[in-house]
Amino acid sequence: MTTGVPPTLQPGTTNTLAAPLSWGSSTNPAIEVHRATVGDNLQAVFDQTTQTWTWQPITTGESSLSGDYSLWVTNGTVNTSQVNGSIY
């Protein structure tokens, strides 16, 4: 699931392929990573208001998913909220 604003070009750049990518931030991450396990029964749900997709349990009574960790990109470097710095 992606959140936040779309990727942006760095100021003063004109070539989108050569510009370092910036997408999201530590306070507004680009991607929330969720870990699903065997037996989880989930569905993707589109929110018309926010124009975003989220994963939700299909079975009533199951707890909703929360982000296990977040990812964002600053000047071409992938950052993570995981303590060990891993993006996986």
Protein backbone atom coordinates (compact mmCIF):
# COMPACT_ATOMS: atom_id res chain seq x y z
CA MET A 1 0.00 0.00 0.00
CA THR A 2 1.32 3.42 -0.82
CA THR A 3 0.52 6.56 1.10
CA GLY A 4 1.60 10.17 0.97
CA VAL A 5 2.31 12.27 -2.07
CA PRO A 6 3.61 11.03 -5.44
CA PRO A 7 7.38 11.09 -6.10
CA THR A 8 8.82 14.50 -6.95
CA LEU A 9 11.77 15.76 -8.98
CA GLN A 10 14.65 17.50 -7.28
CA PRO A 11 14.71 21.28 -7.86
CA GLY A 12 16.60 22.31 -10.98
CA THR A 13 16.40 18.92 -12.71
CA THR A 14 14.76 18.35 -16.09
CA ASN A 15 15.41 14.68 -16.87
CA THR A 16 13.06 12.48 -14.86
CA LEU A 17 15.27 9.42 -15.42
CA ALA A 18 18.38 11.11 -14.07
CA ALA A 19 16.79 12.94 -11.14
CA PRO A 20 17.21 11.41 -7.66
CA LEU A 21 13.87 10.12 -6.40
CA SER A 22 12.26 11.59 -3.29
CA TRP A 23 9.00 10.01 -2.17
CA GLY A 24 7.44 10.38 1.26
CA SER A 25 9.19 11.13 4.53
CA SER A 26 9.62 9.64 7.98
CA THR A 27 6.44 11.43 9.13
CA ASN A 28 4.48 10.72 5.91
CA PRO A 29 5.95 7.46 4.52
CA ALA A 30 5.48 6.42 0.89
CA ILE A 31 4.92 2.74 1.67
CA GLU A 32 3.53 0.90 4.69
CA VAL A 33 4.74 -2.73 4.81
CA HIS A 34 2.45 -5.37 6.32
CA ARG A 35 3.37 -8.94 7.03
CA ALA A 36 0.69 -11.51 6.31
CA THR A 37 0.98 -15.09 7.53
CA VAL A 38 -0.45 -18.36 6.29
CA GLY A 39 -4.17 -18.44 7.02
CA ASP A 40 -4.72 -14.67 6.87
CA ASN A 41 -7.79 -13.88 4.78
CA LEU A 42 -7.45 -10.34 3.37
CA GLN A 43 -8.93 -8.22 0.62
CA ALA A 44 -7.79 -4.98 -1.04
CA VAL A 45 -10.29 -2.14 -0.52
CA PHE A 46 -10.21 1.13 -2.50
CA ASP A 47 -11.19 4.35 -0.67
CA GLN A 48 -12.82 6.74 -3.17
CA THR A 49 -12.29 9.75 -0.87
CA THR A 50 -8.53 9.38 -0.36
CA GLN A 51 -7.90 7.47 -3.61
CA THR A 52 -5.85 4.87 -1.74
CA TRP A 53 -5.90 1.08 -1.38
CA THR A 54 -5.76 -0.67 1.98
CA TRP A 55 -5.72 -4.32 3.06
CA GLN A 56 -8.53 -5.41 5.36
CA PRO A 57 -9.46 -8.75 6.93
CA ILE A 58 -12.38 -10.47 5.18
CA THR A 59 -13.70 -12.24 8.28
CA THR A 60 -15.64 -10.05 10.72
CA GLY A 61 -13.98 -9.86 14.10
CA GLU A 62 -10.41 -10.20 12.82
CA SER A 63 -8.19 -7.34 13.90
CA SER A 64 -7.30 -4.80 11.24
CA LEU A 65 -3.76 -4.68 9.89
CA SER A 66 -1.38 -2.00 11.02
CA GLY A 67 1.88 -1.13 9.33
CA ASP A 68 4.74 -3.27 10.58
CA TYR A 69 7.20 -0.75 9.18
CA SER A 70 7.41 2.13 6.70
CA LEU A 71 9.56 3.01 3.70
CA TRP A 72 10.36 6.35 2.06
CA VAL A 73 12.97 7.61 -0.40
CA THR A 74 15.15 10.71 0.02
CA ASN A 75 17.41 11.80 -2.84
CA GLY A 76 17.52 8.24 -4.20
CA THR A 77 18.17 6.54 -0.85
CA VAL A 78 15.56 4.11 0.52
CA ASN A 79 14.90 4.71 4.23
CA THR A 80 13.08 2.45 6.67
CA SER A 81 11.48 2.75 10.09
CA GLN A 82 12.92 -0.63 11.10
CA VAL A 83 15.48 -0.40 13.88
CA ASN A 84 17.94 -2.65 12.02
CA GLY A 85 17.73 -0.49 8.87
CA SER A 86 16.52 -3.36 6.68
CA ILE A 87 14.01 -2.67 3.91
CA TYR A 88 12.81 -6.31 4.01
